């Protein structure tokens, strides 16, 4: 058996051992992020977290906030700018420094992390670390043994979504899933209307290209099983619509998982008011909407209810309500 040199040399190689442990945790964190639909490296996420916490920052201040060098902060920020998650503008007081700020997509990524990733990572690591006792090297060894037995990403996956569900954003390859999932549930109880056909057959033109959002929930065994859209109606006002889960996936709590992700995205987009139109036949869905903060709204019914013949219920959600 090959001797673990870093462990055998004790405190002499403490820095190298901690670096190895950090790289291991970051590799697991990368897999956790990707499972949540966030193809963002942990080193990049710390920049997003700093900008979310402090607001726009010059590169020099960002480096100080994170305890990293200015060149490292600059390299990471440039990668995030390329991804469309951060913007960089010149500081009016000092043109030598760029001021970094989150884009709407960056804020949405943070919102997803806050609701779907960080709480589960925190809980998984607390479960490992809280029982550790004794000298520092013994505690490090205990942490390593726990990760050998079950990696952080596996632990988080067991805690996070029912059935290891994940969230995906829209791309054109999912247009058929968007159509079929919605037609399935509509035809079960109602008739597919002209407004349904227009939206379901033109998701990019009528939703994505008009500053809207479409999210999907995916199961590792069943594939894409549910979807939901946010359609921009006016500045600060969006309609939550076309939310459905395949009949074959009922019982996985995919609808609640998806709706929570949609509301997190809405909050990150600084939406003032989100409304939906439905029917009393959809009793389970109405109960879920109520559970997650939607309120029945007669004004919304009067303004928008005529869009669908089947509509006899209107509800609204506002951040902070």
C-alpha atoms as a PDB file:
ATOM      1  CA  UNK A   1       0.000   0.000   0.000  1.00  0.00           C
ATOM      2  CA  UNK A   2       1.392   3.400  -1.008  1.00  0.00           C
ATOM      3  CA  UNK A   3       1.918   5.796   1.895  1.00  0.00           C
ATOM      4  CA  UNK A   4       0.051   9.117   1.775  1.00  0.00           C
ATOM      5  CA  UNK A   5       3.057  11.418   2.116  1.00  0.00           C
ATOM      6  CA  UNK A   6       1.061  14.543   2.980  1.00  0.00           C
ATOM      7  CA  UNK A   7      -0.677  12.738   5.829  1.00  0.00           C
ATOM      8  CA  UNK A   8       2.483  11.039   7.049  1.00  0.00           C
ATOM      9  CA  UNK A   9       4.442  14.293   7.299  1.00  0.00           C
ATOM     10  CA  UNK A  10       1.821  15.910   9.532  1.00  0.00           C
ATOM     11  CA  UNK A  11       2.103  19.666  10.040  1.00  0.00           C
ATOM     12  CA  UNK A  12       5.152  19.923   7.748  1.00  0.00           C
ATOM     13  CA  UNK A  13       2.858  19.550   4.721  1.00  0.00           C
ATOM     14  CA  UNK A  14      -0.287  21.121   6.197  1.00  0.00           C
ATOM     15  CA  UNK A  15      -0.571  23.707   3.426  1.00  0.00           C
ATOM     16  CA  UNK A  16      -0.308  21.081   0.693  1.00  0.00           C
ATOM     17  CA  UNK A  17      -2.814  18.854   2.444  1.00  0.00           C
ATOM     18  CA  UNK A  18      -5.310  21.703   2.842  1.00  0.00           C
ATOM     19  CA  UNK A  19      -4.796  22.631  -0.825  1.00  0.00           C
ATOM     20  CA  UNK A  20      -5.543  19.034  -1.833  1.00  0.00           C
ATOM     21  CA  UNK A  21      -8.674  19.022   0.313  1.00  0.00           C
ATOM     22  CA  UNK A  22      -9.801  22.368  -1.126  1.00  0.00           C
ATOM     23  CA  UNK A  23      -9.342  21.116  -4.687  1.00  0.00           C
ATOM     24  CA  UNK A  24     -11.367  18.026  -3.849  1.00  0.00           C
ATOM     25  CA  UNK A  25     -14.216  20.075  -2.417  1.00  0.00           C
ATOM     26  CA  UNK A  26     -14.137  22.461  -5.383  1.00  0.00           C
ATOM     27  CA  UNK A  27     -14.334  19.572  -7.848  1.00  0.00           C
ATOM     28  CA  UNK A  28     -17.412  18.270  -6.011  1.00  0.00           C
ATOM     29  CA  UNK A  29     -18.856  21.794  -5.939  1.00  0.00           C
ATOM     30  CA  UNK A  30     -18.446  22.061  -9.698  1.00  0.00           C
ATOM     31  CA  UNK A  31     -20.503  18.898 -10.182  1.00  0.00           C
ATOM     32  CA  UNK A  32     -23.140  20.212  -7.770  1.00  0.00           C
ATOM     33  CA  UNK A  33     -23.383  23.481  -9.714  1.00  0.00           C
ATOM     34  CA  UNK A  34     -23.760  21.693 -13.041  1.00  0.00           C
ATOM     35  CA  UNK A  35     -26.502  19.458 -11.622  1.00  0.00           C
ATOM     36  CA  UNK A  36     -28.413  22.643 -10.762  1.00  0.00           C
ATOM     37  CA  UNK A  37     -28.010  23.933 -14.317  1.00  0.00           C
ATOM     38  CA  UNK A  38     -25.180  26.299 -13.357  1.00  0.00           C
ATOM     39  CA  UNK A  39     -22.114  25.702 -15.519  1.00  0.00           C
ATOM     40  CA  UNK A  40     -20.065  28.044 -13.346  1.00  0.00           C
ATOM     41  CA  UNK A  41     -16.774  27.180 -11.664  1.00  0.00           C
ATOM     42  CA  UNK A  42     -16.539  27.610  -7.857  1.00  0.00           C
ATOM     43  CA  UNK A  43     -13.788  30.215  -8.338  1.00  0.00           C
ATOM     44  CA  UNK A  44     -16.186  32.201 -10.510  1.00  0.00           C
ATOM     45  CA  UNK A  45     -19.047  31.799  -8.073  1.00  0.00           C
ATOM     46  CA  UNK A  46     -17.124  33.532  -5.310  1.00  0.00           C
ATOM     47  CA  UNK A  47     -16.984  36.647  -7.521  1.00  0.00           C
ATOM     48  CA  UNK A  48     -20.736  36.484  -8.150  1.00  0.00           C
ATOM     49  CA  UNK A  49     -21.329  36.069  -4.408  1.00  0.00           C
ATOM     50  CA  UNK A  50     -19.157  39.097  -3.597  1.00  0.00           C
ATOM     51  CA  UNK A  51     -21.001  41.290  -6.112  1.00  0.00           C
ATOM     52  CA  UNK A  52     -24.350  40.053  -4.819  1.00  0.00           C
ATOM     53  CA  UNK A  53     -23.334  40.868  -1.251  1.00  0.00           C
ATOM     54  CA  UNK A  54     -21.634  44.239  -1.777  1.00  0.00           C
ATOM     55  CA  UNK A  55     -23.100  45.502  -5.043  1.00  0.00           C
ATOM     56  CA  UNK A  56     -20.924  46.844  -7.887  1.00  0.00           C
ATOM     57  CA  UNK A  57     -17.217  46.812  -7.051  1.00  0.00           C
ATOM     58  CA  UNK A  58     -13.974  47.924  -8.722  1.00  0.00           C
ATOM     59  CA  UNK A  59     -11.654  45.030  -9.521  1.00  0.00           C
ATOM     60  CA  UNK A  60      -9.217  46.097  -6.793  1.00  0.00           C
ATOM     61  CA  UNK A  61     -11.959  46.116  -4.138  1.00  0.00           C
ATOM     62  CA  UNK A  62     -13.231  42.747  -5.379  1.00  0.00           C
ATOM     63  CA  UNK A  63      -9.764  41.255  -4.911  1.00  0.00           C
ATOM     64  CA  UNK A  64      -9.589  42.649  -1.377  1.00  0.00           C
ATOM     65  CA  UNK A  65     -13.063  41.326  -0.531  1.00  0.00           C
ATOM     66  CA  UNK A  66     -12.076  37.814  -1.627  1.00  0.00           C
ATOM     67  CA  UNK A  67      -8.466  37.887  -0.444  1.00  0.00           C
ATOM     68  CA  UNK A  68      -7.105  37.213  -3.941  1.00  0.00           C
ATOM     69  CA  UNK A  69      -4.692  39.134  -6.151  1.00  0.00           C
ATOM     70  CA  UNK A  70      -5.912  41.776  -8.585  1.00  0.00           C
ATOM     71  CA  UNK A  71      -4.716  39.745 -11.617  1.00  0.00           C
ATOM     72  CA  UNK A  72      -6.646  36.701 -10.344  1.00  0.00           C
ATOM     73  CA  UNK A  73      -9.755  38.814  -9.773  1.00  0.00           C
ATOM     74  CA  UNK A  74      -9.400  40.314 -13.252  1.00  0.00           C
ATOM     75  CA  UNK A  75      -9.030  36.914 -14.960  1.00  0.00           C
ATOM     76  CA  UNK A  76     -12.061  35.507 -13.179  1.00  0.00           C
ATOM     77  CA  UNK A  77     -14.149  38.605 -13.900  1.00  0.00           C
ATOM     78  CA  UNK A  78     -13.275  38.484 -17.607  1.00  0.00           C
ATOM     79  CA  UNK A  79     -14.495  34.891 -17.750  1.00  0.00           C
ATOM     80  CA  UNK A  80     -17.788  35.919 -16.158  1.00  0.00           C
ATOM     81  CA  UNK A  81     -18.147  38.834 -18.567  1.00  0.00           C
ATOM     82  CA  UNK A  82     -17.725  36.376 -21.463  1.00  0.00           C
ATOM     83  CA  UNK A  83     -20.493  34.241 -19.932  1.00  0.00           C
ATOM     84  CA  UNK A  84     -22.811  37.254 -19.720  1.00  0.00           C
ATOM     85  CA  UNK A  85     -23.031  37.049 -15.921  1.00  0.00           C
ATOM     86  CA  UNK A  86     -21.090  40.228 -15.101  1.00  0.00           C
ATOM     87  CA  UNK A  87     -20.635  43.628 -16.750  1.00  0.00           C
ATOM     88  CA  UNK A  88     -17.533  45.783 -16.509  1.00  0.00           C
ATOM     89  CA  UNK A  89     -17.618  49.577 -16.882  1.00  0.00           C
ATOM     90  CA  UNK A  90     -15.080  52.286 -16.226  1.00  0.00           C
ATOM     91  CA  UNK A  91     -15.128  54.013 -12.836  1.00  0.00           C
ATOM     92  CA  UNK A  92     -16.043  57.654 -13.466  1.00  0.00           C
ATOM     93  CA  UNK A  93     -13.760  58.676 -10.605  1.00  0.00           C
ATOM     94  CA  UNK A  94     -10.760  56.699 -11.849  1.00  0.00           C
ATOM     95  CA  UNK A  95     -10.721  55.442 -15.430  1.00  0.00           C
ATOM     96  CA  UNK A  96      -7.946  52.970 -14.603  1.00  0.00           C
ATOM     97  CA  UNK A  97     -10.362  50.770 -12.678  1.00  0.00           C
ATOM     98  CA  UNK A  98     -13.287  48.770 -13.972  1.00  0.00           C
ATOM     99  CA  UNK A  99     -16.455  48.571 -11.894  1.00  0.00           C
ATOM    100  CA  UNK A 100     -18.012  45.107 -11.988  1.00  0.00           C
ATOM    101  CA  UNK A 101     -21.716  44.404 -11.530  1.00  0.00           C
ATOM    102  CA  UNK A 102     -24.063  41.452 -11.917  1.00  0.00           C
ATOM    103  CA  UNK A 103     -26.190  41.186 -15.037  1.00  0.00           C
ATOM    104  CA  UNK A 104     -29.755  39.850 -14.808  1.00  0.00           C
ATOM    105  CA  UNK A 105     -28.362  36.429 -15.732  1.00  0.00           C
ATOM    106  CA  UNK A 106     -25.773  36.722 -12.951  1.00  0.00           C
ATOM    107  CA  UNK A 107     -28.455  37.646 -10.444  1.00  0.00           C
ATOM    108  CA  UNK A 108     -30.543  34.695 -11.627  1.00  0.00           C
ATOM    109  CA  UNK A 109     -27.586  32.347 -11.131  1.00  0.00           C
ATOM    110  CA  UNK A 110     -27.120  33.644  -7.581  1.00  0.00           C
ATOM    111  CA  UNK A 111     -30.831  33.217  -6.879  1.00  0.00           C
ATOM    112  CA  UNK A 112     -30.670  29.601  -8.055  1.00  0.00           C
ATOM    113  CA  UNK A 113     -27.578  28.967  -5.924  1.00  0.00           C
ATOM    114  CA  UNK A 114     -29.227  30.474  -2.839  1.00  0.00           C
ATOM    115  CA  UNK A 115     -32.293  28.270  -3.132  1.00  0.00           C
ATOM    116  CA  UNK A 116     -31.051  25.059  -4.772  1.00  0.00           C
ATOM    117  CA  UNK A 117     -27.334  24.741  -3.992  1.00  0.00           C
ATOM    118  CA  UNK A 118     -25.853  26.580  -1.028  1.00  0.00           C
ATOM    119  CA  UNK A 119     -28.330  25.476   1.657  1.00  0.00           C
ATOM    120  CA  UNK A 120     -27.731  21.825   0.747  1.00  0.00           C
ATOM    121  CA  UNK A 121     -23.930  22.225   0.568  1.00  0.00           C
ATOM    122  CA  UNK A 122     -23.975  23.955   3.948  1.00  0.00           C
ATOM    123  CA  UNK A 123     -26.120  21.226   5.494  1.00  0.00           C
ATOM    124  CA  UNK A 124     -23.999  18.409   4.036  1.00  0.00           C
ATOM    125  CA  UNK A 125     -20.727  19.894   5.285  1.00  0.00           C
ATOM    126  CA  UNK A 126     -22.192  20.688   8.699  1.00  0.00           C
ATOM    127  CA  UNK A 127     -23.241  17.058   9.005  1.00  0.00           C
ATOM    128  CA  UNK A 128     -19.630  16.030   8.343  1.00  0.00           C
ATOM    129  CA  UNK A 129     -17.811  18.720  10.315  1.00  0.00           C
ATOM    130  CA  UNK A 130     -19.921  19.245  13.449  1.00  0.00           C
ATOM    131  CA  UNK A 131     -19.023  15.856  15.011  1.00  0.00           C
ATOM    132  CA  UNK A 132     -15.261  16.286  14.368  1.00  0.00           C
ATOM    133  CA  UNK A 133     -13.175  16.631  17.516  1.00  0.00           C
ATOM    134  CA  UNK A 134      -9.549  16.638  18.646  1.00  0.00           C
ATOM    135  CA  UNK A 135      -6.409  18.191  17.137  1.00  0.00           C
ATOM    136  CA  UNK A 136      -6.583  19.866  13.735  1.00  0.00           C
ATOM    137  CA  UNK A 137      -4.880  17.000  11.890  1.00  0.00           C
ATOM    138  CA  UNK A 138      -7.344  14.515  13.369  1.00  0.00           C
ATOM    139  CA  UNK A 139     -10.248  16.668  12.226  1.00  0.00           C
ATOM    140  CA  UNK A 140      -8.805  16.957   8.709  1.00  0.00           C
ATOM    141  CA  UNK A 141      -8.385  13.174   8.610  1.00  0.00           C
ATOM    142  CA  UNK A 142     -11.985  12.723   9.736  1.00  0.00           C
ATOM    143  CA  UNK A 143     -13.206  15.059   6.996  1.00  0.00           C
ATOM    144  CA  UNK A 144     -11.162  13.178   4.392  1.00  0.00           C
ATOM    145  CA  UNK A 145     -12.525   9.818   5.556  1.00  0.00           C
ATOM    146  CA  UNK A 146     -16.081  11.117   5.374  1.00  0.00           C
ATOM    147  CA  UNK A 147     -15.519  12.337   1.798  1.00  0.00           C
ATOM    148  CA  UNK A 148     -13.904   9.002   0.893  1.00  0.00           C
ATOM    149  CA  UNK A 149     -17.035   7.251   2.087  1.00  0.00           C
ATOM    150  CA  UNK A 150     -19.382   9.592   0.224  1.00  0.00           C
ATOM    151  CA  UNK A 151     -18.366  12.619  -1.840  1.00  0.00           C
ATOM    152  CA  UNK A 152     -19.876  16.041  -1.242  1.00  0.00           C
ATOM    153  CA  UNK A 153     -21.798  16.066  -4.526  1.00  0.00           C
ATOM    154  CA  UNK A 154     -23.384  12.687  -3.712  1.00  0.00           C
ATOM    155  CA  UNK A 155     -24.351  13.936  -0.239  1.00  0.00           C
ATOM    156  CA  UNK A 156     -25.871  17.115  -1.662  1.00  0.00           C
ATOM    157  CA  UNK A 157     -27.707  15.178  -4.366  1.00  0.00           C
ATOM    158  CA  UNK A 158     -29.333  13.049  -1.678  1.00  0.00           C
ATOM    159  CA  UNK A 159     -30.509  16.168   0.160  1.00  0.00           C
ATOM    160  CA  UNK A 160     -31.511  18.541  -2.614  1.00  0.00           C
ATOM    161  CA  UNK A 161     -34.183  17.598  -5.116  1.00  0.00           C
ATOM    162  CA  UNK A 162     -36.642  14.716  -4.923  1.00  0.00           C
ATOM    163  CA  UNK A 163     -35.290  12.000  -7.186  1.00  0.00           C
ATOM    164  CA  UNK A 164     -32.188  14.095  -7.978  1.00  0.00           C
ATOM    165  CA  UNK A 165     -34.198  16.530 -10.064  1.00  0.00           C
ATOM    166  CA  UNK A 166     -32.325  19.354 -11.786  1.00  0.00           C
ATOM    167  CA  UNK A 167     -33.298  22.595 -13.516  1.00  0.00           C
ATOM    168  CA  UNK A 168     -32.427  23.388 -17.129  1.00  0.00           C
ATOM    169  CA  UNK A 169     -32.760  26.592 -19.082  1.00  0.00           C
ATOM    170  CA  UNK A 170     -34.258  26.798 -22.556  1.00  0.00           C
ATOM    171  CA  UNK A 171     -32.499  25.955 -25.763  1.00  0.00           C
ATOM    172  CA  UNK A 172     -34.098  25.198 -29.116  1.00  0.00           C
ATOM    173  CA  UNK A 173     -33.545  21.455 -28.730  1.00  0.00           C
ATOM    174  CA  UNK A 174     -36.152  21.547 -25.937  1.00  0.00           C
ATOM    175  CA  UNK A 175     -38.882  23.223 -27.989  1.00  0.00           C
ATOM    176  CA  UNK A 176     -40.593  19.884 -28.655  1.00  0.00           C
ATOM    177  CA  UNK A 177     -40.589  19.041 -24.917  1.00  0.00           C
ATOM    178  CA  UNK A 178     -42.143  22.434 -24.176  1.00  0.00           C
ATOM    179  CA  UNK A 179     -44.907  21.721 -26.678  1.00  0.00           C
ATOM    180  CA  UNK A 180     -45.635  18.100 -25.781  1.00  0.00           C
ATOM    181  CA  UNK A 181     -45.625  18.508 -21.985  1.00  0.00           C
ATOM    182  CA  UNK A 182     -48.141  21.342 -22.177  1.00  0.00           C
ATOM    183  CA  UNK A 183     -50.404  19.794 -24.796  1.00  0.00           C
ATOM    184  CA  UNK A 184     -50.539  16.635 -22.663  1.00  0.00           C
ATOM    185  CA  UNK A 185     -51.930  18.354 -19.573  1.00  0.00           C
ATOM    186  CA  UNK A 186     -54.185  20.791 -21.450  1.00  0.00           C
ATOM    187  CA  UNK A 187     -55.874  18.032 -23.456  1.00  0.00           C
ATOM    188  CA  UNK A 188     -56.429  16.006 -20.290  1.00  0.00           C
ATOM    189  CA  UNK A 189     -58.919  18.576 -18.953  1.00  0.00           C
ATOM    190  CA  UNK A 190     -59.494  21.265 -21.574  1.00  0.00           C
ATOM    191  CA  UNK A 191     -59.268  22.143 -25.256  1.00  0.00           C
ATOM    192  CA  UNK A 192     -56.043  23.519 -26.718  1.00  0.00           C
ATOM    193  CA  UNK A 193     -56.839  27.125 -27.637  1.00  0.00           C
ATOM    194  CA  UNK A 194     -55.384  29.440 -30.299  1.00  0.00           C
ATOM    195  CA  UNK A 195     -53.318  31.305 -27.704  1.00  0.00           C
ATOM    196  CA  UNK A 196     -51.856  27.975 -26.540  1.00  0.00           C
ATOM    197  CA  UNK A 197     -50.864  27.024 -30.074  1.00  0.00           C
ATOM    198  CA  UNK A 198     -49.182  30.358 -30.754  1.00  0.00           C
ATOM    199  CA  UNK A 199     -47.049  30.236 -27.616  1.00  0.00           C
ATOM    200  CA  UNK A 200     -46.248  26.529 -27.730  1.00  0.00           C
ATOM    201  CA  UNK A 201     -45.154  26.581 -31.366  1.00  0.00           C
ATOM    202  CA  UNK A 202     -43.106  29.795 -31.131  1.00  0.00           C
ATOM    203  CA  UNK A 203     -41.395  29.714 -27.720  1.00  0.00           C
ATOM    204  CA  UNK A 204     -38.272  31.544 -28.830  1.00  0.00           C
ATOM    205  CA  UNK A 205     -40.034  34.309 -30.732  1.00  0.00           C
ATOM    206  CA  UNK A 206     -42.856  34.896 -28.247  1.00  0.00           C
ATOM    207  CA  UNK A 207     -41.032  34.256 -24.954  1.00  0.00           C
ATOM    208  CA  UNK A 208     -37.227  34.103 -25.065  1.00  0.00           C
ATOM    209  CA  UNK A 209     -36.629  36.917 -27.588  1.00  0.00           C
ATOM    210  CA  UNK A 210     -39.005  39.159 -25.631  1.00  0.00           C
ATOM    211  CA  UNK A 211     -37.006  38.967 -22.365  1.00  0.00           C
ATOM    212  CA  UNK A 212     -38.929  35.967 -21.094  1.00  0.00           C
ATOM    213  CA  UNK A 213     -37.740  32.742 -19.491  1.00  0.00           C
ATOM    214  CA  UNK A 214     -38.504  29.042 -19.951  1.00  0.00           C
ATOM    215  CA  UNK A 215     -37.244  26.535 -17.391  1.00  0.00           C
ATOM    216  CA  UNK A 216     -37.403  22.742 -17.415  1.00  0.00           C
ATOM    217  CA  UNK A 217     -37.139  20.165 -14.649  1.00  0.00           C
ATOM    218  CA  UNK A 218     -35.236  16.999 -15.504  1.00  0.00           C
ATOM    219  CA  UNK A 219     -34.976  13.576 -13.904  1.00  0.00           C
ATOM    220  CA  UNK A 220     -31.848  11.423 -14.362  1.00  0.00           C
ATOM    221  CA  UNK A 221     -34.038   8.444 -15.261  1.00  0.00           C
ATOM    222  CA  UNK A 222     -37.049  10.026 -17.000  1.00  0.00           C
ATOM    223  CA  UNK A 223     -35.386  12.951 -18.768  1.00  0.00           C
ATOM    224  CA  UNK A 224     -37.210  16.285 -19.116  1.00  0.00           C
ATOM    225  CA  UNK A 225     -40.442  15.921 -17.165  1.00  0.00           C
ATOM    226  CA  UNK A 226     -41.797  19.435 -16.639  1.00  0.00           C
ATOM    227  CA  UNK A 227     -41.629  23.026 -17.813  1.00  0.00           C
ATOM    228  CA  UNK A 228     -42.793  26.541 -16.995  1.00  0.00           C
ATOM    229  CA  UNK A 229     -42.510  29.943 -18.673  1.00  0.00           C
ATOM    230  CA  UNK A 230     -42.353  33.594 -17.671  1.00  0.00           C
ATOM    231  CA  UNK A 231     -43.734  35.841 -20.405  1.00  0.00           C
ATOM    232  CA  UNK A 232     -43.038  39.580 -20.255  1.00  0.00           C
ATOM    233  CA  UNK A 233     -46.245  41.594 -20.345  1.00  0.00           C
ATOM    234  CA  UNK A 234     -44.875  45.008 -19.392  1.00  0.00           C
ATOM    235  CA  UNK A 235     -41.901  46.468 -17.549  1.00  0.00           C
ATOM    236  CA  UNK A 236     -41.822  44.701 -14.174  1.00  0.00           C
ATOM    237  CA  UNK A 237     -44.881  42.582 -14.990  1.00  0.00           C
ATOM    238  CA  UNK A 238     -44.726  38.972 -16.191  1.00  0.00           C
ATOM    239  CA  UNK A 239     -47.182  36.128 -16.668  1.00  0.00           C
ATOM    240  CA  UNK A 240     -46.331  32.696 -15.287  1.00  0.00           C
ATOM    241  CA  UNK A 241     -47.738  30.274 -17.810  1.00  0.00           C
ATOM    242  CA  UNK A 242     -47.405  26.938 -19.558  1.00  0.00           C
ATOM    243  CA  UNK A 243     -46.457  25.079 -16.399  1.00  0.00           C
ATOM    244  CA  UNK A 244     -46.902  21.347 -16.693  1.00  0.00           C
ATOM    245  CA  UNK A 245     -45.418  18.036 -15.532  1.00  0.00           C
ATOM    246  CA  UNK A 246     -45.647  14.790 -17.464  1.00  0.00           C
ATOM    247  CA  UNK A 247     -48.204  12.308 -16.140  1.00  0.00           C
ATOM    248  CA  UNK A 248     -45.461   9.677 -15.916  1.00  0.00           C
ATOM    249  CA  UNK A 249     -43.546  11.837 -13.419  1.00  0.00           C
ATOM    250  CA  UNK A 250     -46.363  12.630 -10.997  1.00  0.00           C
ATOM    251  CA  UNK A 251     -45.467  11.986  -7.367  1.00  0.00           C
ATOM    252  CA  UNK A 252     -41.866  13.225  -7.642  1.00  0.00           C
ATOM    253  CA  UNK A 253     -42.801  16.733  -6.414  1.00  0.00           C
ATOM    254  CA  UNK A 254     -41.326  18.055  -9.634  1.00  0.00           C
ATOM    255  CA  UNK A 255     -43.952  20.797  -9.884  1.00  0.00           C
ATOM    256  CA  UNK A 256     -43.062  22.322  -6.530  1.00  0.00           C
ATOM    257  CA  UNK A 257     -39.339  22.048  -7.283  1.00  0.00           C
ATOM    258  CA  UNK A 258     -39.830  23.749 -10.637  1.00  0.00           C
ATOM    259  CA  UNK A 259     -42.108  26.486  -9.323  1.00  0.00           C
ATOM    260  CA  UNK A 260     -39.630  27.358  -6.547  1.00  0.00           C
ATOM    261  CA  UNK A 261     -36.902  27.711  -9.180  1.00  0.00           C
ATOM    262  CA  UNK A 262     -39.137  29.915 -11.337  1.00  0.00           C
ATOM    263  CA  UNK A 263     -39.948  32.213  -8.410  1.00  0.00           C
ATOM    264  CA  UNK A 264     -36.263  32.456  -7.534  1.00  0.00           C
ATOM    265  CA  UNK A 265     -35.580  33.490 -11.113  1.00  0.00           C
ATOM    266  CA  UNK A 266     -38.417  36.030 -10.987  1.00  0.00           C
ATOM    267  CA  UNK A 267     -37.004  37.568  -7.816  1.00  0.00           C
ATOM    268  CA  UNK A 268     -33.541  37.785  -9.395  1.00  0.00           C
ATOM    269  CA  UNK A 269     -35.054  39.566 -12.422  1.00  0.00           C
ATOM    270  CA  UNK A 270     -36.578  42.175 -10.063  1.00  0.00           C
ATOM    271  CA  UNK A 271     -40.070  41.425 -11.315  1.00  0.00           C
ATOM    272  CA  UNK A 272     -42.592  43.602  -9.474  1.00  0.00           C
ATOM    273  CA  UNK A 273     -45.612  41.420 -10.105  1.00  0.00           C
ATOM    274  CA  UNK A 274     -46.131  37.940 -11.512  1.00  0.00           C
ATOM    275  CA  UNK A 275     -49.591  36.675 -12.351  1.00  0.00           C
ATOM    276  CA  UNK A 276     -51.133  33.445 -13.622  1.00  0.00           C
ATOM    277  CA  UNK A 277     -54.439  32.351 -15.121  1.00  0.00           C
ATOM    278  CA  UNK A 278     -55.924  28.953 -14.367  1.00  0.00           C
ATOM    279  CA  UNK A 279     -59.132  27.044 -13.709  1.00  0.00           C
ATOM    280  CA  UNK A 280     -60.773  25.616 -10.585  1.00  0.00           C
ATOM    281  CA  UNK A 281     -60.393  22.135 -12.125  1.00  0.00           C
ATOM    282  CA  UNK A 282     -56.640  22.494 -11.446  1.00  0.00           C
ATOM    283  CA  UNK A 283     -57.147  22.220  -7.699  1.00  0.00           C
ATOM    284  CA  UNK A 284     -53.766  20.637  -6.922  1.00  0.00           C
ATOM    285  CA  UNK A 285     -51.945  23.313  -8.901  1.00  0.00           C
ATOM    286  CA  UNK A 286     -53.900  26.104  -7.192  1.00  0.00           C
ATOM    287  CA  UNK A 287     -52.992  24.652  -3.799  1.00  0.00           C
ATOM    288  CA  UNK A 288     -49.313  24.667  -4.818  1.00  0.00           C
ATOM    289  CA  UNK A 289     -49.529  28.270  -6.024  1.00  0.00           C
ATOM    290  CA  UNK A 290     -51.098  29.298  -2.722  1.00  0.00           C
ATOM    291  CA  UNK A 291     -48.430  27.402  -0.790  1.00  0.00           C
ATOM    292  CA  UNK A 292     -45.652  29.308  -2.559  1.00  0.00           C
ATOM    293  CA  UNK A 293     -47.170  32.742  -2.108  1.00  0.00           C
ATOM    294  CA  UNK A 294     -49.668  33.420  -4.897  1.00  0.00           C
ATOM    295  CA  UNK A 295     -52.857  35.237  -3.920  1.00  0.00           C
ATOM    296  CA  UNK A 296     -56.219  35.282  -5.702  1.00  0.00           C
ATOM    297  CA  UNK A 297     -56.611  38.604  -7.508  1.00  0.00           C
ATOM    298  CA  UNK A 298     -59.883  39.935  -8.947  1.00  0.00           C
ATOM    299  CA  UNK A 299     -58.131  42.806 -10.730  1.00  0.00           C
ATOM    300  CA  UNK A 300     -55.877  40.395 -12.626  1.00  0.00           C
ATOM    301  CA  UNK A 301     -58.958  38.379 -13.556  1.00  0.00           C
ATOM    302  CA  UNK A 302     -60.677  41.482 -14.924  1.00  0.00           C
ATOM    303  CA  UNK A 303     -57.607  42.630 -16.875  1.00  0.00           C
ATOM    304  CA  UNK A 304     -56.306  39.379 -18.335  1.00  0.00           C
ATOM    305  CA  UNK A 305     -58.826  36.581 -17.717  1.00  0.00           C
ATOM    306  CA  UNK A 306     -60.403  36.800 -21.178  1.00  0.00           C
ATOM    307  CA  UNK A 307     -57.195  35.517 -22.811  1.00  0.00           C
ATOM    308  CA  UNK A 308     -58.355  31.927 -22.259  1.00  0.00           C
ATOM    309  CA  UNK A 309     -61.888  30.519 -22.433  1.00  0.00           C
ATOM    310  CA  UNK A 310     -60.992  28.061 -19.641  1.00  0.00           C
ATOM    311  CA  UNK A 311     -59.810  30.776 -17.236  1.00  0.00           C
ATOM    312  CA  UNK A 312     -61.914  31.321 -14.106  1.00  0.00           C
ATOM    313  CA  UNK A 313     -59.098  31.860 -11.583  1.00  0.00           C
ATOM    314  CA  UNK A 314     -56.438  34.568 -11.539  1.00  0.00           C
ATOM    315  CA  UNK A 315     -53.613  34.847  -9.020  1.00  0.00           C
ATOM    316  CA  UNK A 316     -50.700  37.194  -8.391  1.00  0.00           C
ATOM    317  CA  UNK A 317     -47.297  36.953  -6.696  1.00  0.00           C
ATOM    318  CA  UNK A 318     -45.162  39.843  -5.565  1.00  0.00           C
ATOM    319  CA  UNK A 319     -41.674  39.588  -4.037  1.00  0.00           C
ATOM    320  CA  UNK A 320     -41.845  40.134  -0.299  1.00  0.00           C
ATOM    321  CA  UNK A 321     -45.560  39.391   0.063  1.00  0.00           C
END
